[in-house]
Amino acid sequence: MMNRVVKWVLLLCVVSLVVNGLLYWGTGNREVLINIYGALGLGVLSAIGYLFARKMR
């Protein structure tokens, strides 16, 4: 179960990163960079959690 949750969180982080990247590319607004960094950090933590969840199985 945890494996699925972490997978979905990781997927949402990737989608958020892409959308925020497109917003930054289109507008050039520096406030969007904060959202990009947040999505990137959460994605890295989710990937680490996913690896640990796979090893525990």
N, C-alpha and C. Protein backbone atom coordinates (compact mmCIF):
# COMPACT_ATOMS: atom_id res chain seq x y z
N MET A 1 0.82 -1.20 0.00
CA MET A 1 0.00 0.00 0.00
C MET A 1 0.87 1.26 0.00
N MET A 2 1.89 1.28 0.83
CA MET A 2 2.76 2.45 0.89
C MET A 2 3.45 2.67 -0.46
N ASN A 3 3.74 1.58 -1.12
CA ASN A 3 4.38 1.65 -2.42
C ASN A 3 3.53 2.44 -3.41
N ARG A 4 2.22 2.19 -3.40
CA ARG A 4 1.31 2.90 -4.31
C ARG A 4 1.22 4.38 -3.97
N VAL A 5 1.14 4.67 -2.68
CA VAL A 5 1.02 6.07 -2.26
C VAL A 5 2.26 6.86 -2.67
N VAL A 6 3.42 6.30 -2.44
CA VAL A 6 4.66 6.99 -2.78
C VAL A 6 4.79 7.14 -4.29
N LYS A 7 4.32 6.15 -5.03
CA LYS A 7 4.34 6.23 -6.49
C LYS A 7 3.47 7.38 -6.99
N TRP A 8 2.28 7.52 -6.41
CA TRP A 8 1.39 8.59 -6.82
C TRP A 8 1.93 9.96 -6.43
N VAL A 9 2.52 10.06 -5.26
CA VAL A 9 3.12 11.33 -4.84
C VAL A 9 4.26 11.70 -5.78
N LEU A 10 5.07 10.73 -6.15
CA LEU A 10 6.16 10.98 -7.08
C LEU A 10 5.63 11.43 -8.45
N LEU A 11 4.56 10.79 -8.91
CA LEU A 11 3.96 11.18 -10.18
C LEU A 11 3.41 12.60 -10.12
N LEU A 12 2.75 12.94 -9.04
CA LEU A 12 2.22 14.30 -8.88
C LEU A 12 3.34 15.33 -8.83
N CYS A 13 4.46 14.98 -8.22
CA CYS A 13 5.60 15.89 -8.17
C CYS A 13 6.17 16.14 -9.56
N VAL A 14 6.25 15.10 -10.35
CA VAL A 14 6.76 15.24 -11.72
C VAL A 14 5.82 16.11 -12.55
N VAL A 15 4.53 15.89 -12.42
CA VAL A 15 3.56 16.70 -13.16
C VAL A 15 3.63 18.15 -12.70
N SER A 16 3.72 18.36 -11.40
CA SER A 16 3.83 19.73 -10.87
C SER A 16 5.11 20.41 -11.36
N LEU A 17 6.19 19.66 -11.40
CA LEU A 17 7.45 20.21 -11.88
C LEU A 17 7.35 20.63 -13.35
N VAL A 18 6.70 19.82 -14.16
CA VAL A 18 6.54 20.15 -15.58
C VAL A 18 5.64 21.37 -15.76
N VAL A 19 4.51 21.40 -15.04
CA VAL A 19 3.59 22.53 -15.17
C VAL A 19 4.25 23.82 -14.69
N ASN A 20 4.92 23.77 -13.56
CA ASN A 20 5.59 24.97 -13.07
C ASN A 20 6.74 25.40 -13.98
N GLY A 21 7.42 24.44 -14.58
CA GLY A 21 8.46 24.77 -15.53
C GLY A 21 7.92 25.47 -16.76
N LEU A 22 6.77 25.00 -17.24
CA LEU A 22 6.13 25.66 -18.38
C LEU A 22 5.64 27.07 -18.00
N LEU A 23 5.12 27.21 -16.78
CA LEU A 23 4.69 28.53 -16.32
C LEU A 23 5.87 29.49 -16.23
N TYR A 24 6.99 29.00 -15.71
CA TYR A 24 8.16 29.86 -15.60
C TYR A 24 8.70 30.22 -16.98
N TRP A 25 8.70 29.25 -17.86
CA TRP A 25 9.19 29.49 -19.22
C TRP A 25 8.31 30.51 -19.95
N GLY A 26 6.99 30.43 -19.71
CA GLY A 26 6.08 31.33 -20.38
C GLY A 26 6.05 32.73 -19.79
N THR A 27 6.14 32.82 -18.47
CA THR A 27 5.99 34.13 -17.83
C THR A 27 7.32 34.74 -17.40
N GLY A 28 8.28 33.92 -17.03
CA GLY A 28 9.55 34.43 -16.52
C GLY A 28 9.45 34.96 -15.10
N ASN A 29 8.34 34.65 -14.43
CA ASN A 29 8.11 35.12 -13.07
C ASN A 29 8.97 34.31 -12.09
N ARG A 30 9.77 35.00 -11.29
CA ARG A 30 10.66 34.31 -10.37
C ARG A 30 9.95 33.65 -9.19
N GLU A 31 8.73 34.06 -8.91
CA GLU A 31 7.97 33.43 -7.82
C GLU A 31 7.63 31.98 -8.15
N VAL A 32 7.55 31.66 -9.41
CA VAL A 32 7.26 30.28 -9.82
C VAL A 32 8.43 29.37 -9.49
N LEU A 33 9.64 29.92 -9.41
CA LEU A 33 10.81 29.11 -9.09
C LEU A 33 10.69 28.47 -7.71
N ILE A 34 10.04 29.15 -6.77
CA ILE A 34 9.84 28.58 -5.44
C ILE A 34 9.01 27.30 -5.54
N ASN A 35 7.98 27.32 -6.37
CA ASN A 35 7.15 26.14 -6.57
C ASN A 35 7.95 25.01 -7.24
N ILE A 36 8.83 25.38 -8.15
CA ILE A 36 9.66 24.37 -8.83
C ILE A 36 10.59 23.70 -7.82
N TYR A 37 11.21 24.51 -6.96
CA TYR A 37 12.11 23.94 -5.95
C TYR A 37 11.36 23.05 -4.97
N GLY A 38 10.16 23.46 -4.60
CA GLY A 38 9.35 22.64 -3.69
C GLY A 38 8.97 21.31 -4.30
N ALA A 39 8.55 21.33 -5.56
CA ALA A 39 8.18 20.09 -6.25
C ALA A 39 9.40 19.19 -6.43
N LEU A 40 10.54 19.81 -6.71
CA LEU A 40 11.77 19.03 -6.88
C LEU A 40 12.19 18.37 -5.57
N GLY A 41 12.12 19.11 -4.49
CA GLY A 41 12.49 18.55 -3.18
C GLY A 41 11.55 17.44 -2.75
N LEU A 42 10.26 17.65 -2.94
CA LEU A 42 9.30 16.60 -2.58
C LEU A 42 9.45 15.38 -3.47
N GLY A 43 9.79 15.60 -4.74
CA GLY A 43 10.02 14.47 -5.65
C GLY A 43 11.23 13.65 -5.24
N VAL A 44 12.29 14.32 -4.81
CA VAL A 44 13.49 13.60 -4.36
C VAL A 44 13.18 12.80 -3.11
N LEU A 45 12.47 13.40 -2.16
CA LEU A 45 12.11 12.67 -0.94
C LEU A 45 11.19 11.49 -1.24
N SER A 46 10.28 11.67 -2.18
CA SER A 46 9.38 10.58 -2.56
C SER A 46 10.15 9.46 -3.25
N ALA A 47 11.12 9.80 -4.07
CA ALA A 47 11.92 8.77 -4.74
C ALA A 47 12.72 7.97 -3.72
N ILE A 48 13.27 8.64 -2.73
CA ILE A 48 14.01 7.93 -1.67
C ILE A 48 13.05 7.02 -0.89
N GLY A 49 11.87 7.54 -0.57
CA GLY A 49 10.87 6.72 0.12
C GLY A 49 10.43 5.53 -0.70
N TYR A 50 10.30 5.72 -2.02
CA TYR A 50 9.92 4.63 -2.90
C TYR A 50 11.00 3.54 -2.92
N LEU A 51 12.26 3.95 -2.93
CA LEU A 51 13.34 2.96 -2.91
C LEU A 51 13.34 2.17 -1.60
N PHE A 52 13.12 2.86 -0.49
CA PHE A 52 13.07 2.15 0.79
C PHE A 52 11.87 1.21 0.87
N ALA A 53 10.73 1.64 0.31
CA ALA A 53 9.54 0.81 0.33
C ALA A 53 9.74 -0.45 -0.53
N ARG A 54 10.47 -0.32 -1.62
CA ARG A 54 10.73 -1.49 -2.45
C ARG A 54 11.69 -2.47 -1.78
N LYS A 55 12.67 -1.92 -1.05
CA LYS A 55 13.64 -2.79 -0.39
C LYS A 55 13.02 -3.53 0.78
N MET A 56 11.99 -2.96 1.42
CA MET A 56 11.37 -3.60 2.56
C MET A 56 10.46 -4.75 2.16
N ARG A 57 10.05 -4.78 0.89
CA ARG A 57 9.16 -5.86 0.44
C ARG A 57 9.86 -7.16 0.34
